[in-house]
N, C-alpha and C. Protein backbone atom coordinates (compact mmCIF):
# COMPACT_ATOMS: atom_id res chain seq x y z
N MET A 1 -16.30 29.50 -17.64
CA MET A 1 -16.17 29.03 -19.02
C MET A 1 -16.60 27.56 -19.07
N PRO A 2 -17.48 27.20 -19.95
CA PRO A 2 -17.93 25.80 -20.05
C PRO A 2 -16.77 24.88 -20.44
N VAL A 3 -16.86 23.64 -20.02
CA VAL A 3 -15.81 22.67 -20.29
C VAL A 3 -15.59 22.49 -21.79
N THR A 4 -16.65 22.49 -22.56
CA THR A 4 -16.51 22.30 -24.01
C THR A 4 -15.72 23.44 -24.63
N ARG A 5 -15.90 24.64 -24.13
CA ARG A 5 -15.15 25.79 -24.66
C ARG A 5 -13.66 25.63 -24.33
N GLN A 6 -13.36 25.17 -23.13
CA GLN A 6 -11.97 24.94 -22.75
C GLN A 6 -11.33 23.88 -23.65
N ARG A 7 -12.08 22.84 -23.93
CA ARG A 7 -11.56 21.78 -24.80
C ARG A 7 -11.31 22.32 -26.21
N GLN A 8 -12.20 23.15 -26.70
CA GLN A 8 -12.02 23.73 -28.04
C GLN A 8 -10.77 24.60 -28.06
N GLN A 9 -10.56 25.41 -27.01
CA GLN A 9 -9.38 26.26 -26.96
C GLN A 9 -8.11 25.42 -26.85
N SER A 10 -8.15 24.35 -26.05
CA SER A 10 -6.99 23.48 -25.92
C SER A 10 -6.66 22.82 -27.25
N ALA A 11 -7.66 22.37 -27.96
CA ALA A 11 -7.46 21.75 -29.27
C ALA A 11 -6.88 22.76 -30.24
N ALA A 12 -7.38 23.99 -30.20
CA ALA A 12 -6.88 25.04 -31.10
C ALA A 12 -5.42 25.36 -30.79
N LEU A 13 -5.05 25.39 -29.51
CA LEU A 13 -3.66 25.65 -29.14
C LEU A 13 -2.75 24.52 -29.60
N ARG A 14 -3.20 23.26 -29.45
CA ARG A 14 -2.37 22.13 -29.91
C ARG A 14 -2.16 22.21 -31.42
N GLN A 15 -3.17 22.60 -32.14
CA GLN A 15 -3.03 22.70 -33.59
C GLN A 15 -2.11 23.85 -33.98
N ALA A 16 -2.02 24.89 -33.14
CA ALA A 16 -1.20 26.04 -33.45
C ALA A 16 0.27 25.82 -33.10
N GLU A 17 0.60 24.72 -32.39
CA GLU A 17 1.99 24.45 -32.04
C GLU A 17 2.80 24.26 -33.31
N PRO A 18 4.06 24.74 -33.30
CA PRO A 18 4.88 24.61 -34.51
C PRO A 18 5.13 23.15 -34.87
N VAL A 19 5.13 22.88 -36.14
CA VAL A 19 5.36 21.52 -36.63
C VAL A 19 6.81 21.13 -36.41
N ASN A 20 7.72 22.10 -36.38
CA ASN A 20 9.14 21.80 -36.25
C ASN A 20 9.56 21.55 -34.81
N SER A 21 8.67 21.05 -33.98
CA SER A 21 9.03 20.72 -32.61
C SER A 21 9.83 19.41 -32.54
N LEU A 22 9.92 18.69 -33.63
CA LEU A 22 10.75 17.48 -33.69
C LEU A 22 12.21 17.88 -33.86
N PRO A 23 13.15 17.06 -33.38
CA PRO A 23 14.56 17.38 -33.57
C PRO A 23 14.92 17.43 -35.05
N ARG A 24 15.83 18.30 -35.38
CA ARG A 24 16.30 18.42 -36.76
C ARG A 24 17.04 17.13 -37.13
N CYS A 25 16.86 16.67 -38.35
CA CYS A 25 17.48 15.42 -38.79
C CYS A 25 18.33 15.68 -40.03
N LEU A 26 19.60 15.32 -39.96
CA LEU A 26 20.52 15.44 -41.08
C LEU A 26 21.13 14.08 -41.35
N SER A 27 21.38 13.78 -42.58
CA SER A 27 22.05 12.52 -42.89
C SER A 27 23.55 12.69 -42.65
N SER A 28 24.23 11.59 -42.38
CA SER A 28 25.68 11.66 -42.20
C SER A 28 26.35 12.14 -43.48
N ARG A 29 25.78 11.83 -44.61
CA ARG A 29 26.33 12.29 -45.89
C ARG A 29 26.28 13.82 -45.99
N GLU A 30 25.18 14.40 -45.48
CA GLU A 30 25.07 15.87 -45.47
C GLU A 30 26.13 16.48 -44.56
N LEU A 31 26.40 15.83 -43.43
CA LEU A 31 27.38 16.36 -42.49
C LEU A 31 28.81 16.18 -42.98
N LEU A 32 29.13 14.98 -43.43
CA LEU A 32 30.51 14.67 -43.79
C LEU A 32 30.87 15.00 -45.23
N GLY A 33 29.90 14.94 -46.13
CA GLY A 33 30.21 15.12 -47.54
C GLY A 33 31.12 13.99 -47.99
N ALA A 34 32.20 14.33 -48.69
CA ALA A 34 33.15 13.32 -49.16
C ALA A 34 34.22 13.03 -48.11
N ALA A 35 34.25 13.81 -47.03
CA ALA A 35 35.27 13.64 -45.99
C ALA A 35 34.95 12.45 -45.10
N GLN A 36 35.95 12.00 -44.36
CA GLN A 36 35.78 10.91 -43.41
C GLN A 36 35.58 11.42 -41.98
N ALA A 37 35.79 12.74 -41.77
CA ALA A 37 35.68 13.30 -40.43
C ALA A 37 35.34 14.78 -40.49
N LEU A 38 34.81 15.28 -39.37
CA LEU A 38 34.57 16.72 -39.25
C LEU A 38 34.71 17.11 -37.79
N LEU A 39 34.96 18.39 -37.55
CA LEU A 39 35.06 18.92 -36.20
C LEU A 39 33.78 19.65 -35.86
N ILE A 40 33.33 19.47 -34.61
CA ILE A 40 32.14 20.16 -34.11
C ILE A 40 32.58 20.95 -32.89
N GLU A 41 32.31 22.26 -32.88
CA GLU A 41 32.63 23.11 -31.73
C GLU A 41 31.40 23.22 -30.86
N HIS A 42 31.56 22.96 -29.54
CA HIS A 42 30.45 23.06 -28.59
C HIS A 42 30.98 23.64 -27.29
N ASN A 43 30.50 24.81 -26.93
CA ASN A 43 30.92 25.48 -25.68
C ASN A 43 32.44 25.60 -25.56
N GLY A 44 33.09 25.93 -26.64
CA GLY A 44 34.54 26.12 -26.60
C GLY A 44 35.36 24.85 -26.71
N CYS A 45 34.71 23.70 -26.76
CA CYS A 45 35.42 22.42 -26.91
C CYS A 45 35.18 21.90 -28.32
N TYR A 46 36.14 21.13 -28.81
CA TYR A 46 36.02 20.56 -30.15
C TYR A 46 35.82 19.05 -30.06
N TYR A 47 34.90 18.57 -30.84
CA TYR A 47 34.60 17.15 -30.92
C TYR A 47 34.85 16.71 -32.36
N SER A 48 35.31 15.49 -32.51
CA SER A 48 35.57 14.92 -33.82
C SER A 48 34.51 13.86 -34.12
N LEU A 49 33.85 14.01 -35.24
CA LEU A 49 32.91 13.00 -35.72
C LEU A 49 33.58 12.33 -36.91
N ARG A 50 33.79 11.03 -36.80
CA ARG A 50 34.45 10.36 -37.92
C ARG A 50 33.74 9.08 -38.32
N LEU A 51 33.91 8.73 -39.56
CA LEU A 51 33.33 7.54 -40.14
C LEU A 51 34.39 6.44 -40.13
N THR A 52 34.06 5.28 -39.58
CA THR A 52 35.02 4.18 -39.49
C THR A 52 35.00 3.33 -40.76
N ARG A 53 35.94 2.42 -40.85
CA ARG A 53 35.98 1.50 -41.99
C ARG A 53 34.76 0.58 -42.02
N GLN A 54 34.18 0.34 -40.84
CA GLN A 54 32.98 -0.49 -40.74
C GLN A 54 31.71 0.32 -40.97
N ASN A 55 31.86 1.56 -41.44
CA ASN A 55 30.75 2.44 -41.78
C ASN A 55 29.92 2.85 -40.53
N LYS A 56 30.62 3.02 -39.41
CA LYS A 56 29.98 3.47 -38.18
C LYS A 56 30.51 4.87 -37.85
N LEU A 57 29.73 5.60 -37.06
CA LEU A 57 30.14 6.94 -36.65
C LEU A 57 30.67 6.92 -35.23
N ILE A 58 31.76 7.65 -35.00
CA ILE A 58 32.33 7.79 -33.67
C ILE A 58 32.50 9.26 -33.38
N LEU A 59 31.99 9.69 -32.21
CA LEU A 59 32.13 11.06 -31.75
C LEU A 59 33.08 11.06 -30.55
N THR A 60 34.19 11.80 -30.66
CA THR A 60 35.16 11.86 -29.56
C THR A 60 35.47 13.31 -29.23
N LYS A 61 35.86 13.52 -27.98
CA LYS A 61 36.24 14.86 -27.53
C LYS A 61 37.72 15.07 -27.77
């Protein structure tokens, strides 16, 4: 196979890659809503995500 054909196929494959390969992005407002905290379950453990008075996020186990 000529090198130019390989390059064309490689370019076509890169273009066919899904656009959603970037990490999903959510705003803290979407996650928390009007609440100051929420629980996240991961592998049977619970984590607390809370908004502080200084408007910072803290994730604790």
